C-alpha atoms as a PDB file:
ATOM      1  CA  UNK A   1      25.118  15.848  13.223  1.00  0.00           C
ATOM      2  CA  UNK A   2      28.583  17.527  12.303  1.00  0.00           C
ATOM      3  CA  UNK A   3      31.832  17.302  10.939  1.00  0.00           C
ATOM      4  CA  UNK A   4      31.067  13.927   8.901  1.00  0.00           C
ATOM      5  CA  UNK A   5      32.333  11.887   5.628  1.00  0.00           C
ATOM      6  CA  UNK A   6      29.138  11.056   3.787  1.00  0.00           C
ATOM      7  CA  UNK A   7      29.632   9.494   0.602  1.00  0.00           C
ATOM      8  CA  UNK A   8      26.440   9.501  -2.406  1.00  0.00           C
ATOM      9  CA  UNK A   9      26.574   6.700  -4.431  1.00  0.00           C
ATOM     10  CA  UNK A  10      24.336   7.629  -7.610  1.00  0.00           C
ATOM     11  CA  UNK A  11      23.424   4.680 -10.003  1.00  0.00           C
ATOM     12  CA  UNK A  12      22.196   7.078 -12.896  1.00  0.00           C
ATOM     13  CA  UNK A  13      20.450   4.346 -14.703  1.00  0.00           C
ATOM     14  CA  UNK A  14      18.282   2.629 -11.766  1.00  0.00           C
ATOM     15  CA  UNK A  15      15.244   3.947 -10.344  1.00  0.00           C
ATOM     16  CA  UNK A  16      12.480   5.687 -11.301  1.00  0.00           C
ATOM     17  CA  UNK A  17      13.665   9.548 -10.774  1.00  0.00           C
ATOM     18  CA  UNK A  18      16.235  12.144 -12.063  1.00  0.00           C
ATOM     19  CA  UNK A  19      19.486  11.843 -10.590  1.00  0.00           C
ATOM     20  CA  UNK A  20      20.506  15.037 -12.074  1.00  0.00           C
ATOM     21  CA  UNK A  21      17.991  16.867  -9.950  1.00  0.00           C
ATOM     22  CA  UNK A  22      18.543  14.640  -6.700  1.00  0.00           C
ATOM     23  CA  UNK A  23      22.281  15.405  -7.112  1.00  0.00           C
ATOM     24  CA  UNK A  24      21.416  19.282  -7.005  1.00  0.00           C
ATOM     25  CA  UNK A  25      19.059  19.337  -4.256  1.00  0.00           C
ATOM     26  CA  UNK A  26      22.174  17.466  -2.519  1.00  0.00           C
ATOM     27  CA  UNK A  27      24.677  20.213  -3.489  1.00  0.00           C
ATOM     28  CA  UNK A  28      21.987  23.014  -2.578  1.00  0.00           C
ATOM     29  CA  UNK A  29      21.028  21.317   0.986  1.00  0.00           C
ATOM     30  CA  UNK A  30      22.121  23.100   3.812  1.00  0.00           C
ATOM     31  CA  UNK A  31      22.497  20.184   5.937  1.00  0.00           C
ATOM     32  CA  UNK A  32      26.037  19.291   5.005  1.00  0.00           C
ATOM     33  CA  UNK A  33      28.120  22.741   5.471  1.00  0.00           C
ATOM     34  CA  UNK A  34      30.406  21.236   8.161  1.00  0.00           C
ATOM     35  CA  UNK A  35      30.975  17.799   6.345  1.00  0.00           C
ATOM     36  CA  UNK A  36      33.191  16.305   3.649  1.00  0.00           C
ATOM     37  CA  UNK A  37      30.987  15.223   0.973  1.00  0.00           C
ATOM     38  CA  UNK A  38      31.383  12.646  -2.204  1.00  0.00           C
ATOM     39  CA  UNK A  39      29.127  11.948  -4.857  1.00  0.00           C
ATOM     40  CA  UNK A  40      30.118   8.408  -6.995  1.00  0.00           C
ATOM     41  CA  UNK A  41      27.984   7.673 -10.115  1.00  0.00           C
ATOM     42  CA  UNK A  42      28.670   3.990 -10.383  1.00  0.00           C
ATOM     43  CA  UNK A  43      29.288   2.637 -14.039  1.00  0.00           C
ATOM     44  CA  UNK A  44      28.358  -1.114 -14.040  1.00  0.00           C
ATOM     45  CA  UNK A  45      27.208  -3.793 -12.242  1.00  0.00           C
ATOM     46  CA  UNK A  46      28.976  -4.146  -9.197  1.00  0.00           C
ATOM     47  CA  UNK A  47      30.611  -0.927  -8.844  1.00  0.00           C
ATOM     48  CA  UNK A  48      28.251   0.368  -5.986  1.00  0.00           C
ATOM     49  CA  UNK A  49      29.455  -2.633  -3.893  1.00  0.00           C
ATOM     50  CA  UNK A  50      33.382  -2.158  -4.837  1.00  0.00           C
ATOM     51  CA  UNK A  51      32.754   1.677  -4.187  1.00  0.00           C
ATOM     52  CA  UNK A  52      30.616   1.451  -0.383  1.00  0.00           C
ATOM     53  CA  UNK A  53      33.319  -1.200   0.605  1.00  0.00           C
ATOM     54  CA  UNK A  54      36.006   1.489  -0.306  1.00  0.00           C
ATOM     55  CA  UNK A  55      34.366   4.383   1.618  1.00  0.00           C
ATOM     56  CA  UNK A  56      33.967   2.270   4.410  1.00  0.00           C
ATOM     57  CA  UNK A  57      37.791   1.015   4.443  1.00  0.00           C
ATOM     58  CA  UNK A  58      38.180   5.153   4.095  1.00  0.00           C
ATOM     59  CA  UNK A  59      36.200   5.442   7.564  1.00  0.00           C
ATOM     60  CA  UNK A  60      33.305   7.012   6.093  1.00  0.00           C
ATOM     61  CA  UNK A  61      30.628   7.929   8.555  1.00  0.00           C
ATOM     62  CA  UNK A  62      27.553   7.235   6.206  1.00  0.00           C
ATOM     63  CA  UNK A  63      27.355   5.979   2.498  1.00  0.00           C
ATOM     64  CA  UNK A  64      23.794   7.189   1.002  1.00  0.00           C
ATOM     65  CA  UNK A  65      22.431   4.818  -1.698  1.00  0.00           C
ATOM     66  CA  UNK A  66      20.559   6.767  -4.565  1.00  0.00           C
ATOM     67  CA  UNK A  67      18.899   4.250  -6.672  1.00  0.00           C
ATOM     68  CA  UNK A  68      16.819   1.537  -7.314  1.00  0.00           C
ATOM     69  CA  UNK A  69      16.174  -1.442  -4.782  1.00  0.00           C
ATOM     70  CA  UNK A  70      19.186  -3.518  -6.184  1.00  0.00           C
ATOM     71  CA  UNK A  71      21.025  -0.534  -5.868  1.00  0.00           C
ATOM     72  CA  UNK A  72      20.376  -0.027  -1.996  1.00  0.00           C
ATOM     73  CA  UNK A  73      21.032  -3.760  -1.532  1.00  0.00           C
ATOM     74  CA  UNK A  74      24.143  -3.682  -3.318  1.00  0.00           C
ATOM     75  CA  UNK A  75      25.569  -1.064  -0.934  1.00  0.00           C
ATOM     76  CA  UNK A  76      24.241  -2.456   2.091  1.00  0.00           C
ATOM     77  CA  UNK A  77      26.029  -6.049   1.597  1.00  0.00           C
ATOM     78  CA  UNK A  78      29.382  -4.156   1.261  1.00  0.00           C
ATOM     79  CA  UNK A  79      28.964  -2.202   4.597  1.00  0.00           C
ATOM     80  CA  UNK A  80      27.976  -5.462   6.698  1.00  0.00           C
ATOM     81  CA  UNK A  81      30.035  -5.080  10.110  1.00  0.00           C
ATOM     82  CA  UNK A  82      31.423  -1.919   9.321  1.00  0.00           C
ATOM     83  CA  UNK A  83      31.562   0.940  10.971  1.00  0.00           C
ATOM     84  CA  UNK A  84      30.039   3.357   8.272  1.00  0.00           C
ATOM     85  CA  UNK A  85      26.292   3.448   8.229  1.00  0.00           C
ATOM     86  CA  UNK A  86      23.939   2.855   5.334  1.00  0.00           C
ATOM     87  CA  UNK A  87      21.409   5.645   4.486  1.00  0.00           C
ATOM     88  CA  UNK A  88      18.919   5.718   1.720  1.00  0.00           C
ATOM     89  CA  UNK A  89      17.411   8.340  -0.684  1.00  0.00           C
ATOM     90  CA  UNK A  90      14.785   5.875  -2.254  1.00  0.00           C
ATOM     91  CA  UNK A  91      13.948   6.046  -5.841  1.00  0.00           C
ATOM     92  CA  UNK A  92      13.028   2.143  -6.606  1.00  0.00           C
ATOM     93  CA  UNK A  93       9.767   0.951  -7.736  1.00  0.00           C
ATOM     94  CA  UNK A  94       9.370  -1.244  -4.355  1.00  0.00           C
ATOM     95  CA  UNK A  95      11.600   0.514  -1.792  1.00  0.00           C
ATOM     96  CA  UNK A  96      10.682  -2.225   0.446  1.00  0.00           C
ATOM     97  CA  UNK A  97      13.512  -1.750   3.009  1.00  0.00           C
ATOM     98  CA  UNK A  98      12.530   2.269   3.334  1.00  0.00           C
ATOM     99  CA  UNK A  99       9.475   1.715   4.039  1.00  0.00           C
ATOM    100  CA  UNK A 100      10.153  -0.923   6.413  1.00  0.00           C
ATOM    101  CA  UNK A 101      12.284   1.603   8.437  1.00  0.00           C
ATOM    102  CA  UNK A 102      10.026   4.418   7.649  1.00  0.00           C
ATOM    103  CA  UNK A 103      12.649   6.165   5.680  1.00  0.00           C
ATOM    104  CA  UNK A 104      10.608   9.050   3.798  1.00  0.00           C
ATOM    105  CA  UNK A 105       9.830   8.549   0.113  1.00  0.00           C
ATOM    106  CA  UNK A 106      10.430  12.177  -0.671  1.00  0.00           C
ATOM    107  CA  UNK A 107      13.192  13.536  -1.733  1.00  0.00           C
ATOM    108  CA  UNK A 108      14.108  16.297   0.168  1.00  0.00           C
ATOM    109  CA  UNK A 109      12.828  14.706   3.656  1.00  0.00           C
ATOM    110  CA  UNK A 110      15.289  11.702   2.738  1.00  0.00           C
ATOM    111  CA  UNK A 111      18.187  14.175   2.209  1.00  0.00           C
ATOM    112  CA  UNK A 112      16.797  16.039   5.611  1.00  0.00           C
ATOM    113  CA  UNK A 113      17.057  12.853   7.526  1.00  0.00           C
ATOM    114  CA  UNK A 114      20.684  12.953   7.132  1.00  0.00           C
ATOM    115  CA  UNK A 115      21.055  15.836   9.364  1.00  0.00           C
ATOM    116  CA  UNK A 116      18.395  14.661  12.232  1.00  0.00           C
ATOM    117  CA  UNK A 117      18.308  11.138  12.132  1.00  0.00           C
ATOM    118  CA  UNK A 118      19.893   8.591  14.396  1.00  0.00           C
ATOM    119  CA  UNK A 119      22.111   5.482  13.619  1.00  0.00           C
ATOM    120  CA  UNK A 120      20.669   2.105  14.375  1.00  0.00           C
ATOM    121  CA  UNK A 121      22.005  -1.386  14.141  1.00  0.00           C
ATOM    122  CA  UNK A 122      19.262  -4.150  12.002  1.00  0.00           C
ATOM    123  CA  UNK A 123      19.924  -7.908  11.467  1.00  0.00           C
ATOM    124  CA  UNK A 124      20.999  -9.361   8.324  1.00  0.00           C
ATOM    125  CA  UNK A 125      19.916 -12.869   7.010  1.00  0.00           C
ATOM    126  CA  UNK A 126      21.673 -15.351   4.583  1.00  0.00           C
ATOM    127  CA  UNK A 127      19.872 -17.037   2.048  1.00  0.00           C
ATOM    128  CA  UNK A 128      22.933 -20.059   1.430  1.00  0.00           C
ATOM    129  CA  UNK A 129      25.569 -17.688   0.665  1.00  0.00           C
ATOM    130  CA  UNK A 130      23.972 -14.221  -0.085  1.00  0.00           C
ATOM    131  CA  UNK A 131      23.431 -11.719   2.364  1.00  0.00           C
ATOM    132  CA  UNK A 132      19.878 -10.178   1.889  1.00  0.00           C
ATOM    133  CA  UNK A 133      17.849  -7.491   4.120  1.00  0.00           C
ATOM    134  CA  UNK A 134      13.969  -7.925   3.418  1.00  0.00           C
ATOM    135  CA  UNK A 135      13.040 -11.205   2.225  1.00  0.00           C
ATOM    136  CA  UNK A 136      14.268 -14.355   0.412  1.00  0.00           C
ATOM    137  CA  UNK A 137      12.237 -17.331  -0.996  1.00  0.00           C
ATOM    138  CA  UNK A 138      10.819 -19.906  -3.191  1.00  0.00           C
ATOM    139  CA  UNK A 139       7.426 -20.427  -5.051  1.00  0.00           C
ATOM    140  CA  UNK A 140       5.380 -17.774  -6.226  1.00  0.00           C
ATOM    141  CA  UNK A 141       7.132 -14.770  -5.619  1.00  0.00           C
ATOM    142  CA  UNK A 142      10.418 -16.350  -6.433  1.00  0.00           C
ATOM    143  CA  UNK A 143       8.940 -17.118 -10.084  1.00  0.00           C
ATOM    144  CA  UNK A 144       7.450 -13.291  -9.970  1.00  0.00           C
ATOM    145  CA  UNK A 145      10.671 -12.067  -9.545  1.00  0.00           C
ATOM    146  CA  UNK A 146      12.299 -13.949 -12.640  1.00  0.00           C
ATOM    147  CA  UNK A 147       9.455 -13.104 -14.417  1.00  0.00           C
ATOM    148  CA  UNK A 148       9.845  -9.462 -13.470  1.00  0.00           C
ATOM    149  CA  UNK A 149      13.834  -9.197 -14.045  1.00  0.00           C
ATOM    150  CA  UNK A 150      12.736 -10.220 -17.615  1.00  0.00           C
ATOM    151  CA  UNK A 151      10.632  -7.608 -18.069  1.00  0.00           C
ATOM    152  CA  UNK A 152      11.796  -3.994 -20.224  1.00  0.00           C
ATOM    153  CA  UNK A 153       9.854  -2.128 -17.758  1.00  0.00           C
ATOM    154  CA  UNK A 154      10.207  -1.140 -14.024  1.00  0.00           C
ATOM    155  CA  UNK A 155       7.170   0.034 -11.919  1.00  0.00           C
ATOM    156  CA  UNK A 156       4.317  -1.402  -9.823  1.00  0.00           C
ATOM    157  CA  UNK A 157       2.477  -2.092 -13.249  1.00  0.00           C
ATOM    158  CA  UNK A 158       4.617  -3.995 -14.505  1.00  0.00           C
ATOM    159  CA  UNK A 159       5.136  -6.093 -11.477  1.00  0.00           C
ATOM    160  CA  UNK A 160       1.472  -6.644 -11.061  1.00  0.00           C
ATOM    161  CA  UNK A 161       1.350  -7.713 -14.657  1.00  0.00           C
ATOM    162  CA  UNK A 162       4.213 -10.482 -13.952  1.00  0.00           C
ATOM    163  CA  UNK A 163       2.620 -11.746 -11.085  1.00  0.00           C
ATOM    164  CA  UNK A 164      -0.981 -12.303 -12.792  1.00  0.00           C
ATOM    165  CA  UNK A 165       1.183 -14.071 -15.819  1.00  0.00           C
ATOM    166  CA  UNK A 166       3.094 -16.020 -13.079  1.00  0.00           C
ATOM    167  CA  UNK A 167      -0.316 -17.100 -11.018  1.00  0.00           C
ATOM    168  CA  UNK A 168      -2.054 -18.201 -14.192  1.00  0.00           C
ATOM    169  CA  UNK A 169       0.775 -21.233 -14.834  1.00  0.00           C
ATOM    170  CA  UNK A 170       2.149 -21.682 -11.288  1.00  0.00           C
ATOM    171  CA  UNK A 171       1.397 -25.233  -9.252  1.00  0.00           C
ATOM    172  CA  UNK A 172       2.098 -25.580  -5.640  1.00  0.00           C
ATOM    173  CA  UNK A 173       5.087 -27.606  -4.520  1.00  0.00           C
ATOM    174  CA  UNK A 174       6.157 -29.980  -1.589  1.00  0.00           C
ATOM    175  CA  UNK A 175       8.525 -28.288   1.143  1.00  0.00           C
ATOM    176  CA  UNK A 176      10.668 -29.833   3.833  1.00  0.00           C
ATOM    177  CA  UNK A 177      11.181 -27.102   6.384  1.00  0.00           C
ATOM    178  CA  UNK A 178      13.639 -27.485   9.436  1.00  0.00           C
ATOM    179  CA  UNK A 179      12.913 -24.815  11.658  1.00  0.00           C
ATOM    180  CA  UNK A 180      15.615 -24.771  14.309  1.00  0.00           C
ATOM    181  CA  UNK A 181      15.783 -28.330  14.230  1.00  0.00           C
ATOM    182  CA  UNK A 182      12.419 -29.156  13.915  1.00  0.00           C
ATOM    183  CA  UNK A 183      11.154 -30.909  10.941  1.00  0.00           C
ATOM    184  CA  UNK A 184       7.680 -29.923   9.171  1.00  0.00           C
ATOM    185  CA  UNK A 185       6.140 -30.440   5.769  1.00  0.00           C
ATOM    186  CA  UNK A 186       4.050 -28.410   3.604  1.00  0.00           C
ATOM    187  CA  UNK A 187       2.496 -28.307   0.542  1.00  0.00           C
ATOM    188  CA  UNK A 188       2.738 -24.912  -0.357  1.00  0.00           C
ATOM    189  CA  UNK A 189       2.158 -22.067  -2.993  1.00  0.00           C
ATOM    190  CA  UNK A 190       4.779 -19.770  -1.650  1.00  0.00           C
ATOM    191  CA  UNK A 191       7.182 -19.873   1.125  1.00  0.00           C
ATOM    192  CA  UNK A 192       9.455 -16.712   2.274  1.00  0.00           C
ATOM    193  CA  UNK A 193      12.000 -15.840   5.095  1.00  0.00           C
ATOM    194  CA  UNK A 194      11.383 -12.515   6.071  1.00  0.00           C
ATOM    195  CA  UNK A 195      13.679 -10.352   8.029  1.00  0.00           C
ATOM    196  CA  UNK A 196      11.702  -6.955   7.181  1.00  0.00           C
ATOM    197  CA  UNK A 197       7.828  -7.173   7.477  1.00  0.00           C
ATOM    198  CA  UNK A 198       7.360  -6.348   3.447  1.00  0.00           C
ATOM    199  CA  UNK A 199       8.251  -6.861  -0.324  1.00  0.00           C
ATOM    200  CA  UNK A 200       7.986  -3.318  -0.949  1.00  0.00           C
ATOM    201  CA  UNK A 201       4.839  -0.964  -1.876  1.00  0.00           C
ATOM    202  CA  UNK A 202       3.703  -2.027   1.572  1.00  0.00           C
ATOM    203  CA  UNK A 203       2.894  -5.769   0.533  1.00  0.00           C
ATOM    204  CA  UNK A 204       3.518  -7.116   3.853  1.00  0.00           C
ATOM    205  CA  UNK A 205       4.030 -10.791   3.690  1.00  0.00           C
ATOM    206  CA  UNK A 206       5.667 -10.756   7.413  1.00  0.00           C
ATOM    207  CA  UNK A 207       3.391  -8.076   8.974  1.00  0.00           C
ATOM    208  CA  UNK A 208       4.932  -9.380  12.461  1.00  0.00           C
ATOM    209  CA  UNK A 209       8.346  -8.969  11.243  1.00  0.00           C
ATOM    210  CA  UNK A 210      11.114  -7.077  12.990  1.00  0.00           C
ATOM    211  CA  UNK A 211      14.789  -5.861  11.459  1.00  0.00           C
ATOM    212  CA  UNK A 212      15.953  -6.125  15.081  1.00  0.00           C
ATOM    213  CA  UNK A 213      14.562  -8.670  16.790  1.00  0.00           C
ATOM    214  CA  UNK A 214      17.252 -11.531  15.811  1.00  0.00           C
ATOM    215  CA  UNK A 215      14.346 -13.617  14.147  1.00  0.00           C
ATOM    216  CA  UNK A 216      13.117 -15.027  10.893  1.00  0.00           C
ATOM    217  CA  UNK A 217       9.825 -15.161   9.981  1.00  0.00           C
ATOM    218  CA  UNK A 218       9.422 -17.900   7.842  1.00  0.00           C
ATOM    219  CA  UNK A 219       5.845 -17.488   6.076  1.00  0.00           C
ATOM    220  CA  UNK A 220       4.319 -20.818   4.553  1.00  0.00           C
ATOM    221  CA  UNK A 221       1.022 -19.901   2.326  1.00  0.00           C
ATOM    222  CA  UNK A 222      -0.501 -23.097   1.383  1.00  0.00           C
ATOM    223  CA  UNK A 223      -2.507 -23.597  -1.810  1.00  0.00           C
ATOM    224  CA  UNK A 224      -5.896 -21.325  -1.652  1.00  0.00           C
ATOM    225  CA  UNK A 225      -8.958 -21.240  -4.628  1.00  0.00           C
ATOM    226  CA  UNK A 226      -8.460 -19.023  -7.024  1.00  0.00           C
ATOM    227  CA  UNK A 227     -11.837 -17.022  -5.846  1.00  0.00           C
ATOM    228  CA  UNK A 228      -9.735 -16.137  -2.645  1.00  0.00           C
ATOM    229  CA  UNK A 229      -7.277 -14.179  -4.303  1.00  0.00           C
ATOM    230  CA  UNK A 230      -8.814 -10.797  -3.986  1.00  0.00           C
ATOM    231  CA  UNK A 231      -9.074 -11.571  -0.124  1.00  0.00           C
ATOM    232  CA  UNK A 232      -5.544 -12.490   0.049  1.00  0.00           C
ATOM    233  CA  UNK A 233      -4.588  -9.521  -1.484  1.00  0.00           C
ATOM    234  CA  UNK A 234      -6.377  -7.336   0.829  1.00  0.00           C
ATOM    235  CA  UNK A 235      -4.980  -9.263   3.751  1.00  0.00           C
ATOM    236  CA  UNK A 236      -1.480  -8.760   2.197  1.00  0.00           C
ATOM    237  CA  UNK A 237      -1.567  -4.773   1.482  1.00  0.00           C
ATOM    238  CA  UNK A 238      -3.461  -4.356   4.828  1.00  0.00           C
ATOM    239  CA  UNK A 239      -1.234  -5.969   6.989  1.00  0.00           C
ATOM    240  CA  UNK A 240      -3.373  -9.359   8.084  1.00  0.00           C
ATOM    241  CA  UNK A 241      -1.905 -11.776   6.046  1.00  0.00           C
ATOM    242  CA  UNK A 242      -0.488 -13.561   8.931  1.00  0.00           C
ATOM    243  CA  UNK A 243      -4.582 -13.700  10.009  1.00  0.00           C
ATOM    244  CA  UNK A 244      -5.558 -15.917   7.341  1.00  0.00           C
ATOM    245  CA  UNK A 245      -6.019 -19.602   7.500  1.00  0.00           C
ATOM    246  CA  UNK A 246      -3.724 -20.455   4.514  1.00  0.00           C
ATOM    247  CA  UNK A 247      -0.847 -18.809   6.059  1.00  0.00           C
ATOM    248  CA  UNK A 248       1.458 -20.364   8.255  1.00  0.00           C
ATOM    249  CA  UNK A 249       4.431 -18.366  10.244  1.00  0.00           C
ATOM    250  CA  UNK A 250       7.095 -19.743  12.187  1.00  0.00           C
ATOM    251  CA  UNK A 251      10.355 -17.845  13.824  1.00  0.00           C
ATOM    252  CA  UNK A 252      13.629 -18.827  14.434  1.00  0.00           C
ATOM    253  CA  UNK A 253      17.191 -18.284  13.723  1.00  0.00           C
ATOM    254  CA  UNK A 254      17.879 -21.039  11.237  1.00  0.00           C
ATOM    255  CA  UNK A 255      15.895 -23.002   8.884  1.00  0.00           C
ATOM    256  CA  UNK A 256      16.635 -25.503   6.124  1.00  0.00           C
ATOM    257  CA  UNK A 257      14.419 -25.717   3.158  1.00  0.00           C
ATOM    258  CA  UNK A 258      14.243 -28.643   0.596  1.00  0.00           C
ATOM    259  CA  UNK A 259      12.231 -29.565  -2.351  1.00  0.00           C
ATOM    260  CA  UNK A 260      12.077 -32.084  -5.188  1.00  0.00           C
ATOM    261  CA  UNK A 261      14.229 -30.380  -7.812  1.00  0.00           C
ATOM    262  CA  UNK A 262      16.147 -27.305  -8.187  1.00  0.00           C
ATOM    263  CA  UNK A 263      14.975 -23.997  -9.489  1.00  0.00           C
ATOM    264  CA  UNK A 264      14.217 -20.756  -9.113  1.00  0.00           C
ATOM    265  CA  UNK A 265      14.469 -18.607  -5.929  1.00  0.00           C
ATOM    266  CA  UNK A 266      14.984 -15.189  -4.763  1.00  0.00           C
ATOM    267  CA  UNK A 267      16.506 -12.675  -2.193  1.00  0.00           C
ATOM    268  CA  UNK A 268      15.467  -9.019  -1.766  1.00  0.00           C
ATOM    269  CA  UNK A 269      13.880  -9.567  -5.165  1.00  0.00           C
ATOM    270  CA  UNK A 270      16.871 -10.686  -7.290  1.00  0.00           C
ATOM    271  CA  UNK A 271      16.212 -14.050  -8.976  1.00  0.00           C
ATOM    272  CA  UNK A 272      18.570 -16.761  -8.803  1.00  0.00           C
ATOM    273  CA  UNK A 273      18.709 -20.471  -9.484  1.00  0.00           C
ATOM    274  CA  UNK A 274      19.336 -22.564  -6.207  1.00  0.00           C
ATOM    275  CA  UNK A 275      19.690 -26.250  -5.687  1.00  0.00           C
ATOM    276  CA  UNK A 276      16.963 -28.253  -3.933  1.00  0.00           C
ATOM    277  CA  UNK A 277      18.327 -27.865  -0.519  1.00  0.00           C
ATOM    278  CA  UNK A 278      18.709 -24.159   0.919  1.00  0.00           C
ATOM    279  CA  UNK A 279      19.744 -22.727   3.950  1.00  0.00           C
ATOM    280  CA  UNK A 280      18.717 -19.678   5.958  1.00  0.00           C
ATOM    281  CA  UNK A 281      20.065 -17.848   8.816  1.00  0.00           C
ATOM    282  CA  UNK A 282      20.328 -14.479  10.622  1.00  0.00           C
ATOM    283  CA  UNK A 283      22.993 -12.735  11.748  1.00  0.00           C
ATOM    284  CA  UNK A 284      21.930  -9.956  14.239  1.00  0.00           C
ATOM    285  CA  UNK A 285      22.613  -6.255  14.600  1.00  0.00           C
ATOM    286  CA  UNK A 286      24.835  -6.755  11.549  1.00  0.00           C
ATOM    287  CA  UNK A 287      24.089  -3.381   9.819  1.00  0.00           C
ATOM    288  CA  UNK A 288      24.620  -0.048  10.820  1.00  0.00           C
ATOM    289  CA  UNK A 289      21.475   2.200   9.429  1.00  0.00           C
ATOM    290  CA  UNK A 290      20.043   5.781   9.495  1.00  0.00           C
ATOM    291  CA  UNK A 291      16.517   5.973  10.254  1.00  0.00           C
ATOM    292  CA  UNK A 292      13.789   8.763  12.095  1.00  0.00           C
ATOM    293  CA  UNK A 293      14.855   9.579  15.530  1.00  0.00           C
END
């Protein structure tokens, strides 16, 4: 690739790595000799979205998200239906999208991908009015997302601690699911609507999901005995959760979920308060991304 316009949007306070060193690597890279490069540092919440939108309007070829998972998702939402492609220098704690797209987690390799990668289109899902890329849902994972958001630290250990605390007190709920017009009812520990295969950290909630298949994987985890926790966890990280007898997976283009009362939900790990009724739909090939050739 040559003669491109590339913007790097850097969130200086997100993620887990030193951004100054990353920016130095970008400036010193030989990948961009013939390119027009801009580096922008975000200043507040929502700034990544607005700046990415402006770069797309200026017909930049690529906008690179340099930050944690929240920064990546914010920038991606601004590029839906744009001719501008999203690229990642993943420095978050989970890096769900990067891992699912096999984007290198090493900084140098992620930078080099901008020179050697190819652009593909992936699907975008919508949880009510919220676009998301990887997963959304209710139940256990939504409660963990809320607890993790209230934590003062980031990283896998903090997420693991939040997961344990939530598990000790959460109760299953009854959900009515309408999957492409067909109604089913489930008592469930967790319900996830997956576009990508994993939450992050290689925790594969939907091992058969595909970001480009124009389908949502609806993963229903039924209540299971406490002594099955380790076995379920092994399946989660071993990409075999779909084989568990406590798991039911549907594939669809549109879903509605209803529960007994309003409460917390999440999309791409972002905790939100949601009504009793929620609607999920998929928008095929709505986002351009840079991936390995």
